Amino acid sequence: MKSLNDPFVENEYTEEASERWPDKYAESQRRLGKLTDTEKRELFARTEENHQLLARLFTSGQAANSEEVQQAIASHYGWVSAFWTPDRAAYIGLGEMYVADPRFAANYNKYAPGLAHFMRDAMAVWANENL
């Protein structure tokens, strides 16, 4: 499986994303296209660090609504917003997709089994409190 987080290559999800969410996909491509290669690498390195942090928080038994987890989710929202800016419903829906779509679930669960569900729950808390 190719990474969902590769900033430099089109992958098997490109066509699907452009068909399912044409406006959001176009906006994300415009935003990404404005970044230098170094900025892209830094952006994707930050998200890798964020996923690892969320996995550590999850496996250490932190609650989805804990301050530490919510701070990490705020960073995740910032990363997502580098591509498109979701409102409350869209961000909650994104978390739902992390669980419902096996490709997304596998992408997050590789950090820790069950992380996709944990992120979904934490994203819903953050969205309801901040968006």
N, C-alpha and C. Protein backbone atom coordinates (compact mmCIF):
# COMPACT_ATOMS: atom_id res chain seq x y z
N MET A 1 0.85 -1.18 0.00
CA MET A 1 0.00 0.00 0.00
C MET A 1 0.89 1.23 0.00
N LYS A 2 0.62 2.15 -0.89
CA LYS A 2 1.35 3.41 -0.91
C LYS A 2 0.88 4.27 0.26
N SER A 3 1.75 5.15 0.66
CA SER A 3 1.41 6.01 1.79
C SER A 3 0.38 7.05 1.39
N LEU A 4 -0.55 7.29 2.30
CA LEU A 4 -1.51 8.38 2.10
C LEU A 4 -0.83 9.72 2.35
N ASN A 5 0.38 9.68 2.88
CA ASN A 5 1.07 10.89 3.31
C ASN A 5 2.30 11.20 2.48
N ASP A 6 2.32 10.82 1.23
CA ASP A 6 3.48 11.11 0.38
C ASP A 6 3.24 12.39 -0.39
N PRO A 7 4.03 13.44 -0.11
CA PRO A 7 3.76 14.74 -0.73
C PRO A 7 4.21 14.87 -2.17
N PHE A 8 4.92 13.90 -2.70
CA PHE A 8 5.54 14.10 -4.01
C PHE A 8 5.02 13.22 -5.12
N VAL A 9 4.21 12.24 -4.81
CA VAL A 9 3.74 11.35 -5.87
C VAL A 9 2.22 11.26 -5.85
N GLU A 10 1.68 11.14 -7.03
CA GLU A 10 0.27 10.79 -7.11
C GLU A 10 0.19 9.31 -6.76
N ASN A 11 -0.89 8.93 -6.15
CA ASN A 11 -1.03 7.52 -5.79
C ASN A 11 -2.42 7.05 -6.19
N GLU A 12 -2.75 5.83 -5.80
CA GLU A 12 -4.02 5.26 -6.24
C GLU A 12 -5.23 5.99 -5.68
N TYR A 13 -5.03 6.90 -4.74
CA TYR A 13 -6.13 7.64 -4.15
C TYR A 13 -6.39 8.98 -4.84
N THR A 14 -5.47 9.41 -5.67
CA THR A 14 -5.56 10.72 -6.31
C THR A 14 -6.84 10.85 -7.13
N GLU A 15 -7.06 9.90 -8.01
CA GLU A 15 -8.24 9.97 -8.88
C GLU A 15 -9.53 9.90 -8.07
N GLU A 16 -9.56 9.01 -7.09
CA GLU A 16 -10.75 8.88 -6.25
C GLU A 16 -11.05 10.18 -5.51
N ALA A 17 -10.01 10.78 -4.92
CA ALA A 17 -10.21 12.04 -4.18
C ALA A 17 -10.69 13.14 -5.10
N SER A 18 -10.13 13.22 -6.29
CA SER A 18 -10.53 14.28 -7.22
C SER A 18 -11.97 14.09 -7.69
N GLU A 19 -12.45 12.86 -7.72
CA GLU A 19 -13.84 12.60 -8.13
C GLU A 19 -14.83 12.78 -6.97
N ARG A 20 -14.45 12.32 -5.78
CA ARG A 20 -15.37 12.39 -4.63
C ARG A 20 -15.50 13.79 -4.06
N TRP A 21 -14.37 14.53 -4.04
CA TRP A 21 -14.36 15.86 -3.43
C TRP A 21 -13.64 16.83 -4.37
N PRO A 22 -14.20 17.10 -5.53
CA PRO A 22 -13.47 17.88 -6.53
C PRO A 22 -13.03 19.26 -6.05
N ASP A 23 -13.87 19.98 -5.37
CA ASP A 23 -13.49 21.33 -4.91
C ASP A 23 -12.41 21.27 -3.84
N LYS A 24 -12.59 20.40 -2.88
CA LYS A 24 -11.60 20.27 -1.80
C LYS A 24 -10.28 19.73 -2.34
N TYR A 25 -10.36 18.79 -3.26
CA TYR A 25 -9.15 18.25 -3.87
C TYR A 25 -8.40 19.35 -4.63
N ALA A 26 -9.13 20.12 -5.42
CA ALA A 26 -8.49 21.20 -6.18
C ALA A 26 -7.85 22.22 -5.24
N GLU A 27 -8.55 22.56 -4.17
CA GLU A 27 -7.99 23.50 -3.19
C GLU A 27 -6.73 22.93 -2.54
N SER A 28 -6.75 21.67 -2.20
CA SER A 28 -5.57 21.06 -1.57
C SER A 28 -4.39 21.07 -2.52
N GLN A 29 -4.65 20.82 -3.79
CA GLN A 29 -3.56 20.84 -4.76
C GLN A 29 -3.01 22.24 -4.96
N ARG A 30 -3.89 23.25 -4.94
CA ARG A 30 -3.42 24.64 -5.05
C ARG A 30 -2.54 24.99 -3.85
N ARG A 31 -3.01 24.63 -2.66
CA ARG A 31 -2.24 24.95 -1.45
C ARG A 31 -0.91 24.21 -1.43
N LEU A 32 -0.93 22.93 -1.75
CA LEU A 32 0.30 22.15 -1.76
C LEU A 32 1.26 22.66 -2.82
N GLY A 33 0.72 23.08 -3.95
CA GLY A 33 1.55 23.58 -5.04
C GLY A 33 2.28 24.87 -4.72
N LYS A 34 1.83 25.59 -3.71
CA LYS A 34 2.48 26.83 -3.30
C LYS A 34 3.69 26.59 -2.39
N LEU A 35 3.82 25.36 -1.90
CA LEU A 35 4.91 25.04 -0.99
C LEU A 35 6.15 24.60 -1.75
N THR A 36 7.30 24.92 -1.19
CA THR A 36 8.55 24.40 -1.73
C THR A 36 8.68 22.93 -1.34
N ASP A 37 9.60 22.23 -1.98
CA ASP A 37 9.82 20.83 -1.62
C ASP A 37 10.22 20.71 -0.16
N THR A 38 11.02 21.62 0.32
CA THR A 38 11.42 21.61 1.74
C THR A 38 10.23 21.81 2.65
N GLU A 39 9.36 22.74 2.30
CA GLU A 39 8.15 22.97 3.11
C GLU A 39 7.24 21.74 3.10
N LYS A 40 7.15 21.08 1.95
CA LYS A 40 6.34 19.85 1.88
C LYS A 40 6.92 18.77 2.79
N ARG A 41 8.24 18.59 2.72
CA ARG A 41 8.87 17.58 3.58
C ARG A 41 8.63 17.89 5.05
N GLU A 42 8.77 19.16 5.42
CA GLU A 42 8.55 19.56 6.81
C GLU A 42 7.11 19.33 7.24
N LEU A 43 6.17 19.66 6.37
CA LEU A 43 4.75 19.46 6.66
C LEU A 43 4.45 18.00 6.91
N PHE A 44 4.96 17.13 6.06
CA PHE A 44 4.68 15.71 6.21
C PHE A 44 5.49 15.08 7.34
N ALA A 45 6.64 15.63 7.65
CA ALA A 45 7.40 15.15 8.82
C ALA A 45 6.64 15.50 10.10
N ARG A 46 6.04 16.68 10.15
CA ARG A 46 5.26 17.08 11.32
C ARG A 46 4.07 16.14 11.52
N THR A 47 3.42 15.76 10.46
CA THR A 47 2.28 14.86 10.63
C THR A 47 2.73 13.48 11.08
N GLU A 48 3.86 13.03 10.60
CA GLU A 48 4.39 11.74 11.06
C GLU A 48 4.66 11.81 12.56
N GLU A 49 5.27 12.88 13.02
CA GLU A 49 5.52 13.07 14.45
C GLU A 49 4.20 13.12 15.22
N ASN A 50 3.19 13.77 14.66
CA ASN A 50 1.89 13.88 15.30
C ASN A 50 1.24 12.51 15.45
N HIS A 51 1.31 11.69 14.41
CA HIS A 51 0.73 10.35 14.48
C HIS A 51 1.45 9.51 15.52
N GLN A 52 2.75 9.64 15.58
CA GLN A 52 3.51 8.89 16.59
C GLN A 52 3.14 9.35 18.00
N LEU A 53 2.99 10.66 18.18
CA LEU A 53 2.58 11.18 19.48
C LEU A 53 1.20 10.67 19.86
N LEU A 54 0.26 10.73 18.94
CA LEU A 54 -1.09 10.24 19.22
C LEU A 54 -1.07 8.75 19.56
N ALA A 55 -0.24 7.98 18.88
CA ALA A 55 -0.12 6.55 19.19
C ALA A 55 0.42 6.35 20.60
N ARG A 56 1.42 7.14 20.99
CA ARG A 56 1.97 7.02 22.35
C ARG A 56 0.92 7.40 23.40
N LEU A 57 0.19 8.47 23.14
CA LEU A 57 -0.86 8.88 24.08
C LEU A 57 -1.93 7.81 24.20
N PHE A 58 -2.33 7.26 23.07
CA PHE A 58 -3.35 6.21 23.05
C PHE A 58 -2.88 4.98 23.82
N THR A 59 -1.68 4.51 23.51
CA THR A 59 -1.20 3.27 24.14
C THR A 59 -0.86 3.48 25.62
N SER A 60 -0.66 4.72 26.03
CA SER A 60 -0.40 4.98 27.45
C SER A 60 -1.70 5.11 28.25
N GLY A 61 -2.83 5.02 27.56
CA GLY A 61 -4.11 5.04 28.25
C GLY A 61 -4.76 6.41 28.40
N GLN A 62 -4.24 7.41 27.70
CA GLN A 62 -4.85 8.74 27.75
C GLN A 62 -6.26 8.68 27.16
N ALA A 63 -7.15 9.44 27.72
CA ALA A 63 -8.52 9.53 27.20
C ALA A 63 -8.54 10.45 25.98
N ALA A 64 -9.48 10.19 25.08
CA ALA A 64 -9.60 11.00 23.87
C ALA A 64 -9.84 12.47 24.18
N ASN A 65 -10.44 12.75 25.33
CA ASN A 65 -10.72 14.14 25.69
C ASN A 65 -9.69 14.75 26.63
N SER A 66 -8.58 14.05 26.87
CA SER A 66 -7.54 14.59 27.75
C SER A 66 -6.88 15.81 27.11
N GLU A 67 -6.31 16.65 27.94
CA GLU A 67 -5.67 17.87 27.43
C GLU A 67 -4.55 17.55 26.44
N GLU A 68 -3.74 16.54 26.76
CA GLU A 68 -2.62 16.19 25.89
C GLU A 68 -3.10 15.71 24.52
N VAL A 69 -4.11 14.87 24.54
CA VAL A 69 -4.65 14.35 23.27
C VAL A 69 -5.29 15.48 22.48
N GLN A 70 -6.03 16.33 23.15
CA GLN A 70 -6.69 17.42 22.45
C GLN A 70 -5.68 18.40 21.85
N GLN A 71 -4.54 18.60 22.50
CA GLN A 71 -3.48 19.43 21.92
C GLN A 71 -2.92 18.77 20.66
N ALA A 72 -2.74 17.46 20.71
CA ALA A 72 -2.24 16.74 19.53
C ALA A 72 -3.25 16.78 18.40
N ILE A 73 -4.53 16.69 18.74
CA ILE A 73 -5.57 16.76 17.71
C ILE A 73 -5.63 18.17 17.12
N ALA A 74 -5.41 19.18 17.93
CA ALA A 74 -5.35 20.55 17.40
C ALA A 74 -4.24 20.66 16.36
N SER A 75 -3.12 20.01 16.62
CA SER A 75 -2.02 20.00 15.63
C SER A 75 -2.44 19.23 14.38
N HIS A 76 -3.16 18.14 14.57
CA HIS A 76 -3.66 17.37 13.42
C HIS A 76 -4.59 18.24 12.57
N TYR A 77 -5.49 18.96 13.23
CA TYR A 77 -6.38 19.85 12.49
C TYR A 77 -5.58 20.90 11.72
N GLY A 78 -4.53 21.40 12.32
CA GLY A 78 -3.66 22.35 11.62
C GLY A 78 -3.04 21.75 10.39
N TRP A 79 -2.64 20.48 10.48
CA TRP A 79 -2.07 19.80 9.32
C TRP A 79 -3.12 19.64 8.24
N VAL A 80 -4.30 19.17 8.61
CA VAL A 80 -5.38 19.02 7.63
C VAL A 80 -5.68 20.37 6.97
N SER A 81 -5.66 21.41 7.78
CA SER A 81 -5.99 22.75 7.27
C SER A 81 -4.92 23.31 6.33
N ALA A 82 -3.78 22.66 6.27
CA ALA A 82 -2.78 23.06 5.27
C ALA A 82 -3.28 22.74 3.87
N PHE A 83 -4.24 21.80 3.77
CA PHE A 83 -4.77 21.36 2.49
C PHE A 83 -6.16 21.91 2.21
N TRP A 84 -7.02 21.88 3.21
CA TRP A 84 -8.39 22.41 3.13
C TRP A 84 -8.83 22.65 4.56
N THR A 85 -9.74 23.54 4.75
CA THR A 85 -10.14 23.91 6.10
C THR A 85 -11.53 23.35 6.40
N PRO A 86 -11.56 22.21 7.11
CA PRO A 86 -12.86 21.60 7.38
C PRO A 86 -13.63 22.33 8.48
N ASP A 87 -14.94 22.38 8.32
CA ASP A 87 -15.79 22.86 9.40
C ASP A 87 -16.03 21.70 10.36
N ARG A 88 -16.86 21.92 11.37
CA ARG A 88 -17.10 20.90 12.39
C ARG A 88 -17.55 19.58 11.77
N ALA A 89 -18.58 19.63 10.95
CA ALA A 89 -19.12 18.40 10.37
C ALA A 89 -18.09 17.69 9.49
N ALA A 90 -17.34 18.44 8.74
CA ALA A 90 -16.35 17.83 7.84
C ALA A 90 -15.21 17.18 8.63
N TYR A 91 -14.78 17.83 9.71
CA TYR A 91 -13.69 17.26 10.50
C TYR A 91 -14.15 16.00 11.24
N ILE A 92 -15.36 16.03 11.77
CA ILE A 92 -15.92 14.83 12.39
C ILE A 92 -16.07 13.73 11.33
N GLY A 93 -16.54 14.10 10.15
CA GLY A 93 -16.68 13.14 9.06
C GLY A 93 -15.35 12.54 8.64
N LEU A 94 -14.29 13.35 8.66
CA LEU A 94 -12.96 12.85 8.33
C LEU A 94 -12.55 11.78 9.34
N GLY A 95 -12.80 12.05 10.61
CA GLY A 95 -12.51 11.05 11.64
C GLY A 95 -13.30 9.77 11.42
N GLU A 96 -14.56 9.91 11.04
CA GLU A 96 -15.38 8.73 10.74
C GLU A 96 -14.79 7.95 9.57
N MET A 97 -14.28 8.66 8.58
CA MET A 97 -13.69 7.99 7.43
C MET A 97 -12.42 7.24 7.82
N TYR A 98 -11.68 7.77 8.81
CA TYR A 98 -10.47 7.07 9.28
C TYR A 98 -10.81 5.67 9.79
N VAL A 99 -12.02 5.48 10.27
CA VAL A 99 -12.45 4.18 10.78
C VAL A 99 -13.16 3.37 9.69
N ALA A 100 -14.05 4.02 8.94
CA ALA A 100 -14.90 3.31 7.98
C ALA A 100 -14.14 2.82 6.75
N ASP A 101 -13.15 3.55 6.31
CA ASP A 101 -12.40 3.17 5.11
C ASP A 101 -11.19 2.34 5.55
N PRO A 102 -11.13 1.08 5.16
CA PRO A 102 -10.04 0.21 5.61
C PRO A 102 -8.65 0.75 5.25
N ARG A 103 -8.54 1.50 4.18
CA ARG A 103 -7.23 2.05 3.80
C ARG A 103 -6.78 3.08 4.82
N PHE A 104 -7.69 3.96 5.23
CA PHE A 104 -7.35 4.95 6.24
C PHE A 104 -7.10 4.28 7.59
N ALA A 105 -7.97 3.33 7.94
CA ALA A 105 -7.80 2.63 9.21
C ALA A 105 -6.42 1.97 9.27
N ALA A 106 -6.02 1.31 8.20
CA ALA A 106 -4.70 0.67 8.17
C ALA A 106 -3.58 1.70 8.30
N ASN A 107 -3.76 2.86 7.67
CA ASN A 107 -2.75 3.90 7.73
C ASN A 107 -2.52 4.37 9.17
N TYR A 108 -3.58 4.50 9.95
CA TYR A 108 -3.44 4.96 11.34
C TYR A 108 -3.16 3.80 12.29
N ASN A 109 -3.75 2.67 12.06
CA ASN A 109 -3.55 1.54 12.96
C ASN A 109 -2.16 0.95 12.87
N LYS A 110 -1.39 1.31 11.83
CA LYS A 110 -0.01 0.82 11.77
C LYS A 110 0.82 1.43 12.91
N TYR A 111 0.39 2.57 13.42
CA TYR A 111 1.09 3.20 14.54
C TYR A 111 0.74 2.51 15.85
N ALA A 112 -0.49 2.08 15.97
CA ALA A 112 -0.97 1.35 17.15
C ALA A 112 -2.34 0.79 16.80
N PRO A 113 -2.55 -0.50 16.99
CA PRO A 113 -3.87 -1.07 16.71
C PRO A 113 -4.95 -0.33 17.51
N GLY A 114 -5.97 0.14 16.80
CA GLY A 114 -7.06 0.88 17.43
C GLY A 114 -6.90 2.38 17.36
N LEU A 115 -5.78 2.86 16.82
CA LEU A 115 -5.54 4.31 16.79
C LEU A 115 -6.58 5.03 15.93
N ALA A 116 -7.04 4.43 14.86
CA ALA A 116 -8.03 5.09 14.00
C ALA A 116 -9.29 5.42 14.80
N HIS A 117 -9.78 4.48 15.59
CA HIS A 117 -10.97 4.73 16.42
C HIS A 117 -10.71 5.82 17.45
N PHE A 118 -9.54 5.76 18.06
CA PHE A 118 -9.16 6.76 19.05
C PHE A 118 -9.12 8.15 18.44
N MET A 119 -8.51 8.24 17.26
CA MET A 119 -8.44 9.54 16.58
C MET A 119 -9.84 10.04 16.23
N ARG A 120 -10.69 9.14 15.73
CA ARG A 120 -12.06 9.54 15.42
C ARG A 120 -12.73 10.16 16.64
N ASP A 121 -12.61 9.49 17.76
CA ASP A 121 -13.24 9.98 18.98
C ASP A 121 -12.64 11.32 19.42
N ALA A 122 -11.33 11.42 19.38
CA ALA A 122 -10.64 12.65 19.80
C ALA A 122 -10.96 13.80 18.85
N MET A 123 -11.05 13.51 17.56
CA MET A 123 -11.38 14.54 16.57
C MET A 123 -12.79 15.07 16.80
N ALA A 124 -13.73 14.19 17.15
CA ALA A 124 -15.09 14.63 17.41
C ALA A 124 -15.15 15.54 18.63
N VAL A 125 -14.41 15.18 19.67
CA VAL A 125 -14.37 16.04 20.87
C VAL A 125 -13.80 17.39 20.50
N TRP A 126 -12.67 17.40 19.79
CA TRP A 126 -12.02 18.66 19.44
C TRP A 126 -12.93 19.52 18.56
N ALA A 127 -13.53 18.90 17.57
CA ALA A 127 -14.41 19.66 16.66
C ALA A 127 -15.59 20.25 17.39
N ASN A 128 -16.20 19.48 18.27
CA ASN A 128 -17.37 19.98 19.01
C ASN A 128 -17.01 21.10 19.97
N GLU A 129 -15.79 21.13 20.43
CA GLU A 129 -15.37 22.17 21.37
C GLU A 129 -14.74 23.39 20.70
N ASN A 130 -14.26 23.22 19.46
CA ASN A 130 -13.47 24.29 18.83
C ASN A 130 -13.98 24.79 17.49
N LEU A 131 -14.91 24.09 16.87
CA LEU A 131 -15.38 24.53 15.55
C LEU A 131 -16.86 24.90 15.60
